[in-house]
Amino acid sequence: MKLLVDSGEATTMDEAIATFSQYGVRVVLGADVAESPALQIIALTVINTAARSFQGNVQICGTRDIELVVHGFEGIQLSDFSTWAGVHSNSTQSGSWPEIYIGTVAGGVGNSKLAPWAVGWSFGIGGKATSDADAFVPACVAAGALAVSEAFSILRGDSPYAGRRAMCFSLWSMKADLAQPSAGTLASLDRGLWLIGLGHLGQAYCWTLGLMRQQHAIQLVLQDIDIVTESTLTTSVLSGASDLKRMKTRTVAAWMERRGFGTRIVERRFDAATHVAATEPMTALFGVDNPSARRICEGAGFSTVLDAGLGSGYSDFRALRVRGFPGTSSAARIWAGNVVSGPKPLAPAYQALVTKGADPCGVTTLATRSVGAPFVGCYAAAMLVAELMRRRAGEAGHNVIDLSLRNPELVETA
């Protein structure tokens, strides 16, 4: 909804609410979803991100009472998960919504009908690929996130190709191809991780990691200082209504412990005083948008730092970039100074709030908050976790992976 306000398309909050309430997706499940972990991961990612992106407007067609077989969800009914994620679709509006077909669905796929798939480390939309039951978890997460992104573009009408194009991508090559690791390649979560920031991105990292089975309990250090708020529920995929006013560290720790991870929590800012001990995880996953913290990420003693960044404005919020450190450029150089921009005129809807008597400072704070969508965070998380696993399999790391979900096949790496 903030997209409509910030872009000026909606001149009042009421207009933005009315317009956005018409957005939604239909998720059509094939019978084979009941037995396929890969298809279930795609479905869960679609439902989780779409429900948060479209204010619960997700209509699930097919058998909703599937008993889940995915790691961490065993024995849970899909209908119960959907309720937790916030699904409450009004089917009378769903006739014009894009459809996402998961698994084998009769009737074929045409315009506004999206068919995500994952095979090994590759994934995509459309074509004739059939998902592997044991496809790489990040590929399944990326497939689901990509499908919701394409549905969003169809609803927005901002891409003439959305719903009409077939796409494929490999998390092994990080290119728009079908590359797979060679036979016998081993990539496993065999060492601990330190996660800094447990909001939009950090929870997307843990959504992806939590779906991956481990050979033994992996230790996570979870660092954040914030609590779960109403706005958290719209972007952060591990947070439910029962988590409101709870520390994000506690919410994420409980989620990951239920999936076999060991956790330690740090509820203080990441700053120059933060130093990793020799017995603690030496790989850090950064999910913060604070340049001051990112600037010093290489100074804490980690051997490897992976960082994801997202666009924040209404025109670029689907852009994402994954960086690895140490690399060709240092974090201190990339984020050498805080970007300070002058005040911008308030969009008409914000001006209308002030005219009606709203506190100007509060309205300005609202106006300067980032536009965020959980499907972008989950796609970025899939890229970052795949980069982590590539490195743990012995592959050379990328310094940067850069793309926009408006044209995801135009990925650039270095």
Protein backbone atom coordinates (compact mmCIF):
# COMPACT_ATOMS: atom_id res chain seq x y z
CA MET A 1 0.00 0.00 0.00
CA LYS A 2 2.87 2.37 0.78
CA LEU A 3 3.91 2.01 -2.86
CA LEU A 4 0.64 3.61 -3.97
CA VAL A 5 1.06 6.46 -1.50
CA ASP A 6 4.74 7.20 -2.13
CA SER A 7 4.33 7.13 -5.91
CA GLY A 8 1.46 9.61 -5.72
CA GLU A 9 -0.98 7.21 -7.41
CA ALA A 10 -3.26 7.43 -4.40
CA THR A 11 -3.97 10.96 -3.18
CA THR A 12 -5.42 9.85 0.16
CA MET A 13 -4.86 6.94 2.52
CA ASP A 14 -8.46 5.82 1.98
CA GLU A 15 -7.87 5.66 -1.76
CA ALA A 16 -4.68 3.64 -1.25
CA ILE A 17 -6.47 1.19 1.06
CA ALA A 18 -9.36 0.78 -1.38
CA THR A 19 -7.06 0.18 -4.34
CA PHE A 20 -4.70 -2.18 -2.56
CA SER A 21 -7.55 -4.23 -1.13
CA GLN A 22 -8.25 -5.40 -4.68
CA TYR A 23 -4.78 -6.96 -5.05
CA GLY A 24 -4.38 -10.68 -4.43
CA VAL A 25 -3.40 -14.05 -5.90
CA ARG A 26 -4.99 -17.45 -6.42
CA VAL A 27 -2.76 -20.41 -5.56
CA VAL A 28 -3.77 -23.57 -7.41
CA LEU A 29 -2.28 -26.76 -5.94
CA GLY A 30 -1.81 -29.99 -7.85
CA ALA A 31 -2.39 -33.35 -6.17
CA ASP A 32 1.36 -34.05 -6.24
CA VAL A 33 2.00 -31.23 -3.76
CA ALA A 34 0.89 -33.58 -0.98
CA GLU A 35 3.95 -35.83 -1.41
CA SER A 36 6.66 -33.45 -2.64
CA PRO A 37 8.82 -31.49 -0.17
CA ALA A 38 10.05 -29.22 -2.97
CA LEU A 39 6.55 -28.32 -4.13
CA GLN A 40 5.51 -27.73 -0.55
CA ILE A 41 8.42 -25.34 0.03
CA ILE A 42 7.41 -23.43 -3.10
CA ALA A 43 3.79 -23.36 -1.92
CA LEU A 44 4.65 -22.27 1.63
CA THR A 45 6.89 -19.49 0.34
CA VAL A 46 4.20 -18.30 -2.06
CA ILE A 47 1.50 -18.32 0.61
CA ASN A 48 3.69 -16.71 3.28
CA THR A 49 5.00 -13.87 1.11
CA ALA A 50 1.76 -13.27 -0.81
CA ALA A 51 -0.39 -13.11 2.33
CA ARG A 52 1.90 -10.44 3.78
CA SER A 53 2.26 -8.56 0.50
CA PHE A 54 -1.47 -8.49 -0.31
CA GLN A 55 -3.00 -8.08 3.17
CA GLY A 56 -4.13 -11.69 3.32
CA ASN A 57 -5.71 -11.76 -0.13
CA VAL A 58 -4.70 -15.28 -1.11
CA GLN A 59 -7.22 -17.82 -2.34
CA ILE A 60 -5.98 -21.41 -2.18
CA CYS A 61 -7.56 -23.79 -4.68
CA GLY A 62 -7.13 -27.53 -4.39
CA THR A 63 -6.71 -29.51 -1.19
CA ARG A 64 -5.97 -27.12 1.68
CA ASP A 65 -5.86 -29.94 4.22
CA ILE A 66 -2.54 -31.27 2.99
CA GLU A 67 -0.40 -32.62 5.82
CA LEU A 68 3.01 -31.04 5.40
CA VAL A 69 6.15 -33.16 5.06
CA VAL A 70 8.63 -30.27 4.88
CA HIS A 71 11.38 -30.06 7.51
CA GLY A 72 10.11 -28.06 10.48
CA PHE A 73 6.46 -28.37 9.48
CA GLU A 74 5.97 -32.15 9.65
CA GLY A 75 2.41 -33.08 10.55
CA ILE A 76 1.07 -29.52 10.32
CA GLN A 77 -1.93 -28.92 8.08
CA LEU A 78 -1.48 -26.48 5.22
CA SER A 79 -4.73 -24.78 6.26
CA ASP A 80 -3.28 -24.08 9.73
CA PHE A 81 -0.13 -22.61 8.23
CA SER A 82 -2.20 -20.42 5.91
CA THR A 83 -4.18 -19.06 8.85
CA TRP A 84 -0.97 -18.29 10.74
CA ALA A 85 0.43 -16.48 7.67
CA GLY A 86 -2.67 -14.26 7.58
CA VAL A 87 -4.64 -15.69 4.66
CA HIS A 88 -8.22 -14.44 4.67
CA SER A 89 -9.20 -14.07 1.03
CA ASN A 90 -12.51 -12.71 -0.17
CA SER A 91 -13.23 -15.06 -3.05
CA THR A 92 -15.67 -12.61 -4.65
CA GLN A 93 -12.67 -10.47 -5.66
CA SER A 94 -10.44 -13.28 -6.86
CA GLY A 95 -11.68 -13.54 -10.45
CA SER A 96 -9.15 -10.99 -11.70
CA TRP A 97 -6.23 -12.14 -9.56
CA PRO A 98 -3.17 -13.80 -11.12
CA GLU A 99 -2.97 -17.56 -10.62
CA ILE A 100 0.09 -19.43 -9.38
CA TYR A 101 0.04 -23.12 -10.35
CA ILE A 102 2.14 -25.38 -8.11
CA GLY A 103 2.65 -28.97 -9.17
CA THR A 104 0.69 -30.75 -11.88
CA VAL A 105 -2.50 -28.82 -12.54
CA ALA A 106 -4.96 -29.60 -15.32
CA GLY A 107 -5.92 -26.81 -17.67
CA GLY A 108 -2.55 -25.53 -18.79
CA VAL A 109 -0.90 -22.21 -18.11
CA GLY A 110 -1.57 -18.99 -19.98
CA ASN A 111 -1.42 -15.25 -19.40
CA SER A 112 -1.69 -14.34 -15.71
CA LYS A 113 -1.04 -18.01 -14.84
CA LEU A 114 2.37 -18.64 -13.32
CA ALA A 115 3.98 -22.05 -12.84
CA PRO A 116 7.07 -21.97 -10.59
CA TRP A 117 9.42 -24.98 -10.48
CA ALA A 118 12.73 -26.07 -8.99
CA VAL A 119 15.13 -28.76 -10.22
CA GLY A 120 18.33 -29.25 -8.25
CA TRP A 121 19.96 -25.81 -7.92
CA SER A 122 17.92 -24.30 -10.76
CA PHE A 123 14.45 -22.80 -10.70
CA GLY A 124 12.15 -20.73 -12.82
CA ILE A 125 8.70 -19.88 -14.10
CA GLY A 126 6.95 -21.66 -16.95
CA GLY A 127 8.47 -23.90 -19.54
CA LYS A 128 8.08 -27.65 -19.24
CA ALA A 129 10.26 -28.32 -16.19
CA THR A 130 8.90 -30.60 -13.46
CA SER A 131 10.12 -30.01 -9.92
CA ASP A 132 12.35 -32.55 -8.20
CA ALA A 133 11.00 -33.80 -4.89
CA ASP A 134 14.41 -33.08 -3.32
CA ALA A 135 15.33 -29.85 -5.12
CA PHE A 136 17.78 -27.51 -3.36
CA VAL A 137 15.84 -25.61 -0.70
CA PRO A 138 17.01 -22.08 -1.71
CA ALA A 139 15.96 -22.85 -5.31
CA CYS A 140 12.46 -23.71 -4.08
CA VAL A 141 12.29 -20.53 -1.98
CA ALA A 142 13.48 -18.45 -4.95
CA ALA A 143 10.89 -20.07 -7.24
CA GLY A 144 8.06 -19.20 -4.86
CA ALA A 145 9.30 -15.64 -4.34
CA LEU A 146 9.72 -15.12 -8.09
CA ALA A 147 6.15 -16.28 -8.74
CA VAL A 148 4.77 -13.75 -6.26
CA SER A 149 6.94 -11.02 -7.79
CA GLU A 150 5.56 -11.81 -11.24
CA ALA A 151 2.02 -11.79 -9.84
CA PHE A 152 2.73 -8.39 -8.33
CA SER A 153 3.87 -7.08 -11.72
CA ILE A 154 0.70 -8.41 -13.35
CA LEU A 155 -1.45 -6.63 -10.78
CA ARG A 156 0.54 -3.43 -11.15
CA GLY A 157 0.70 -3.63 -14.94
CA ASP A 158 4.32 -2.50 -14.79
CA SER A 159 5.79 -5.18 -17.05
CA PRO A 160 4.35 -6.30 -20.40
CA TYR A 161 6.24 -9.59 -19.99
CA ALA A 162 5.00 -10.65 -16.55
CA GLY A 163 2.87 -13.78 -16.87
CA ARG A 164 3.95 -14.23 -20.50
CA ARG A 165 7.63 -15.09 -20.12
CA ALA A 166 9.38 -18.32 -19.19
CA MET A 167 12.44 -17.84 -17.01
CA CYS A 168 15.15 -20.05 -15.57
CA PHE A 169 18.02 -19.36 -13.21
CA SER A 170 20.77 -21.39 -11.56
CA LEU A 171 21.91 -20.72 -8.02
CA TRP A 172 25.06 -22.68 -8.82
CA SER A 173 26.25 -20.50 -11.72
CA MET A 174 24.29 -17.41 -10.61
CA LYS A 175 23.25 -17.03 -14.24
CA ALA A 176 20.08 -17.43 -16.27
CA ASP A 177 20.81 -21.05 -17.15
CA LEU A 178 20.24 -24.57 -15.79
CA ALA A 179 23.73 -25.24 -14.41
CA GLN A 180 24.10 -27.82 -11.64
CA PRO A 181 27.04 -28.83 -9.43
CA SER A 182 29.00 -31.83 -10.63
CA ALA A 183 28.14 -35.25 -9.22
CA GLY A 184 29.55 -35.79 -5.76
CA THR A 185 29.69 -32.10 -4.83
CA LEU A 186 29.01 -31.71 -1.12
CA ALA A 187 27.43 -28.56 0.28
CA SER A 188 26.12 -28.67 3.82
CA LEU A 189 25.40 -26.45 6.79
CA ASP A 190 28.34 -27.84 8.72
CA ARG A 191 29.38 -24.75 10.70
CA GLY A 192 27.65 -22.06 12.71
CA LEU A 193 26.43 -18.66 11.55
CA TRP A 194 26.13 -15.21 13.13
CA LEU A 195 23.09 -13.28 11.89
CA ILE A 196 23.00 -9.51 12.33
CA GLY A 197 19.55 -7.99 11.83
CA LEU A 198 16.39 -10.07 12.20
CA GLY A 199 13.86 -7.98 10.34
CA HIS A 200 12.83 -8.31 6.71
CA LEU A 201 16.07 -9.88 5.46
CA GLY A 202 17.21 -11.69 8.59
CA GLN A 203 13.92 -13.53 8.92
CA ALA A 204 14.03 -14.42 5.22
CA TYR A 205 17.50 -15.91 5.78
CA CYS A 206 16.12 -17.99 8.64
CA TRP A 207 13.03 -19.02 6.66
CA THR A 208 15.39 -20.49 4.06
CA LEU A 209 17.88 -21.99 6.51
CA GLY A 210 15.10 -23.44 8.66
CA LEU A 211 13.78 -25.49 5.75
CA MET A 212 17.18 -27.16 5.29
CA ARG A 213 17.94 -30.38 7.14
CA GLN A 214 21.22 -30.55 9.06
CA GLN A 215 23.40 -33.53 9.86
CA HIS A 216 23.93 -32.13 13.35
CA ALA A 217 22.73 -29.13 15.35
CA ILE A 218 24.12 -25.94 13.82
CA GLN A 219 24.78 -23.05 16.19
CA LEU A 220 23.34 -19.63 15.37
CA VAL A 221 24.10 -16.32 17.04
CA LEU A 222 21.08 -14.05 16.54
CA GLN A 223 21.65 -10.31 16.98
CA ASP A 224 18.97 -7.59 16.93
CA ILE A 225 17.62 -4.85 19.22
CA ASP A 226 14.05 -4.42 17.98
CA ILE A 227 10.64 -5.80 18.87
CA VAL A 228 8.00 -7.17 16.52
CA THR A 229 5.51 -4.45 15.53
CA GLU A 230 2.48 -4.34 13.25
CA SER A 231 4.66 -3.24 10.35
CA THR A 232 6.97 -6.22 10.97
CA LEU A 233 4.12 -8.59 10.13
CA THR A 234 3.87 -7.23 6.58
CA THR A 235 7.51 -7.90 5.66
CA SER A 236 9.06 -10.42 8.06
CA VAL A 237 8.15 -14.02 7.29
CA LEU A 238 8.70 -15.62 10.71
CA SER A 239 6.54 -13.17 12.67
CA GLY A 240 2.91 -13.80 13.52
CA ALA A 241 0.31 -11.81 15.42
CA SER A 242 1.20 -13.64 18.65
CA ASP A 243 4.75 -12.24 18.40
CA LEU A 244 3.73 -8.58 18.67
CA LYS A 245 5.83 -6.66 21.23
CA ARG A 246 8.20 -9.61 21.54
CA MET A 247 11.91 -9.20 20.85
CA LYS A 248 12.74 -10.35 17.33
CA THR A 249 15.64 -12.37 18.70
CA ARG A 250 13.24 -14.45 20.83
CA THR A 251 10.81 -15.03 17.96
CA VAL A 252 13.54 -16.15 15.57
CA ALA A 253 15.33 -18.26 18.20
CA ALA A 254 12.14 -20.17 19.00
CA TRP A 255 11.49 -20.76 15.28
CA MET A 256 14.99 -22.06 14.61
CA GLU A 257 15.21 -24.18 17.76
CA ARG A 258 12.06 -26.01 16.70
CA ARG A 259 13.99 -26.91 13.55
CA GLY A 260 17.00 -28.34 15.33
CA PHE A 261 19.32 -25.32 15.48
CA GLY A 262 21.11 -24.22 18.62
CA THR A 263 20.81 -20.49 19.32
CA ARG A 264 22.40 -17.72 21.32
CA ILE A 265 20.93 -14.23 21.31
CA VAL A 266 22.61 -10.83 21.39
CA GLU A 267 20.30 -7.91 22.13
CA ARG A 268 22.68 -5.03 21.60
CA ARG A 269 23.68 -3.04 18.54
CA PHE A 270 26.36 -4.30 16.22
CA ASP A 271 29.08 -1.66 16.59
CA ALA A 272 32.83 -1.23 16.74
CA ALA A 273 32.89 -2.93 20.15
CA THR A 274 31.53 -6.18 18.68
CA HIS A 275 34.20 -8.84 18.27
CA VAL A 276 33.72 -12.52 17.57
CA ALA A 277 35.48 -14.99 19.86
CA ALA A 278 37.47 -17.91 18.50
CA THR A 279 34.79 -20.36 19.66
CA GLU A 280 31.93 -18.47 17.98
CA PRO A 281 30.64 -18.70 14.38
CA MET A 282 33.09 -17.07 11.98
CA THR A 283 30.61 -16.54 9.14
CA ALA A 284 28.25 -13.57 9.40
CA LEU A 285 25.04 -12.96 7.47
CA PHE A 286 24.15 -9.27 7.48
CA GLY A 287 20.55 -8.21 7.06
CA VAL A 288 20.60 -4.57 8.16
CA ASP A 289 20.14 -1.39 6.14
CA ASN A 290 22.28 0.70 8.48
CA PRO A 291 25.42 1.91 6.68
CA SER A 292 27.19 2.54 10.00
CA ALA A 293 26.91 -1.15 10.92
CA ARG A 294 27.71 -2.42 7.44
CA ARG A 295 30.78 -0.17 7.22
CA ILE A 296 32.46 -1.97 10.12
CA CYS A 297 31.28 -5.52 9.36
CA GLU A 298 34.81 -6.63 8.42
CA GLY A 299 36.29 -5.35 11.66
CA ALA A 300 34.57 -7.78 14.03
CA GLY A 301 36.85 -10.72 13.24
CA PHE A 302 34.62 -12.77 10.95
CA SER A 303 36.36 -14.83 8.29
CA THR A 304 33.45 -14.36 5.86
CA VAL A 305 30.65 -11.80 5.71
CA LEU A 306 27.70 -12.07 3.32
CA ASP A 307 25.48 -9.01 3.07
CA ALA A 308 22.24 -8.43 1.19
CA GLY A 309 20.83 -5.01 0.41
CA LEU A 310 17.48 -4.07 -1.07
CA GLY A 311 16.14 -1.01 -2.82
CA SER A 312 13.96 1.10 -0.57
CA GLY A 313 11.93 3.47 -2.73
CA TYR A 314 8.71 2.83 -4.64
CA SER A 315 10.64 2.68 -7.92
CA ASP A 316 13.50 0.38 -6.88
CA PHE A 317 12.26 -1.77 -3.98
CA ARG A 318 12.56 -4.90 -6.15
CA ALA A 319 16.30 -4.34 -6.65
CA LEU A 320 18.69 -6.48 -4.62
CA ARG A 321 22.41 -6.91 -4.22
CA VAL A 322 24.39 -9.61 -2.42
CA ARG A 323 27.98 -8.83 -1.45
CA GLY A 324 30.75 -11.02 -0.06
CA PHE A 325 33.63 -9.89 2.16
CA PRO A 326 36.54 -9.93 2.06
CA GLY A 327 36.33 -8.97 -1.58
CA THR A 328 37.71 -6.62 -4.18
CA SER A 329 36.25 -3.64 -2.32
CA SER A 330 36.15 -3.23 1.43
CA ALA A 331 32.95 -2.61 3.36
CA ALA A 332 34.56 0.49 4.86
CA ARG A 333 35.00 1.93 1.37
CA ILE A 334 31.58 0.92 0.01
CA TRP A 335 29.75 2.50 2.95
CA ALA A 336 32.32 5.21 3.62
CA GLY A 337 29.75 7.86 4.48
CA ASN A 338 26.14 8.07 5.48
CA VAL A 339 23.97 9.18 2.58
CA VAL A 340 22.12 12.28 3.70
CA SER A 341 19.47 13.63 1.38
CA GLY A 342 17.53 16.81 1.79
CA PRO A 343 13.84 16.82 2.67
CA LYS A 344 11.53 15.78 -0.14
CA PRO A 345 8.03 17.12 -0.70
CA LEU A 346 5.39 14.94 0.91
CA ALA A 347 3.27 12.87 -1.43
CA PRO A 348 -0.38 14.02 -1.67
CA ALA A 349 -1.69 11.33 0.71
CA TYR A 350 0.75 12.41 3.42
CA GLN A 351 -0.12 16.06 2.86
CA ALA A 352 -3.78 15.14 3.28
CA LEU A 353 -3.01 13.57 6.67
CA VAL A 354 -1.28 16.75 7.86
CA THR A 355 -4.18 18.86 6.59
CA LYS A 356 -6.53 16.71 8.68
CA GLY A 357 -4.47 17.43 11.79
CA ALA A 358 -2.00 14.56 11.96
CA ASP A 359 1.33 15.25 13.67
CA PRO A 360 3.69 16.48 10.92
CA CYS A 361 6.70 14.77 12.53
CA GLY A 362 4.89 11.45 12.66
CA VAL A 363 3.74 11.79 9.07
CA THR A 364 7.28 12.63 7.93
CA THR A 365 8.59 9.55 9.75
CA LEU A 366 6.01 7.39 8.00
CA ALA A 367 6.87 8.93 4.63
CA THR A 368 10.58 8.18 5.01
CA ARG A 369 10.16 4.50 5.84
CA SER A 370 11.27 2.05 3.18
CA VAL A 371 8.94 0.31 0.79
CA GLY A 372 9.45 -3.40 1.40
CA ALA A 373 7.98 -6.63 0.07
CA PRO A 374 8.66 -10.05 1.62
CA PHE A 375 8.98 -11.77 -1.75
CA VAL A 376 12.00 -9.58 -2.49
CA GLY A 377 13.56 -10.45 0.86
CA CYS A 378 13.01 -14.18 0.31
CA TYR A 379 14.52 -14.03 -3.18
CA ALA A 380 17.56 -12.20 -1.79
CA ALA A 381 17.81 -14.75 1.02
CA ALA A 382 17.79 -17.62 -1.47
CA MET A 383 20.64 -15.97 -3.39
CA LEU A 384 22.65 -15.30 -0.24
CA VAL A 385 22.18 -18.78 1.28
CA ALA A 386 23.05 -20.37 -2.06
CA GLU A 387 26.21 -18.25 -2.21
CA LEU A 388 27.05 -19.47 1.30
CA MET A 389 26.55 -23.10 0.26
CA ARG A 390 28.58 -22.65 -2.95
CA ARG A 391 31.49 -21.40 -0.88
CA ARG A 392 31.15 -24.27 1.58
CA ALA A 393 31.28 -26.65 -1.36
CA GLY A 394 34.66 -25.18 -2.30
CA GLU A 395 33.56 -22.81 -5.08
CA ALA A 396 35.08 -19.34 -5.47
CA GLY A 397 32.84 -16.69 -3.98
CA HIS A 398 31.26 -13.77 -5.80
CA ASN A 399 32.11 -10.23 -4.75
CA VAL A 400 28.70 -9.01 -5.81
CA ILE A 401 25.47 -10.36 -7.31
CA ASP A 402 23.18 -7.63 -8.61
CA LEU A 403 19.68 -7.83 -10.08
CA SER A 404 16.12 -6.50 -10.05
CA LEU A 405 13.05 -8.70 -9.88
CA ARG A 406 11.48 -6.56 -12.57
CA ASN A 407 13.96 -8.20 -14.97
CA PRO A 408 15.53 -11.00 -12.93
CA GLU A 409 17.25 -12.66 -15.88
CA LEU A 410 19.49 -9.57 -16.26
CA VAL A 411 21.69 -10.56 -13.33
CA GLU A 412 25.21 -9.18 -13.04
CA THR A 413 27.99 -10.83 -11.05
CA ALA A 414 31.59 -10.01 -10.27
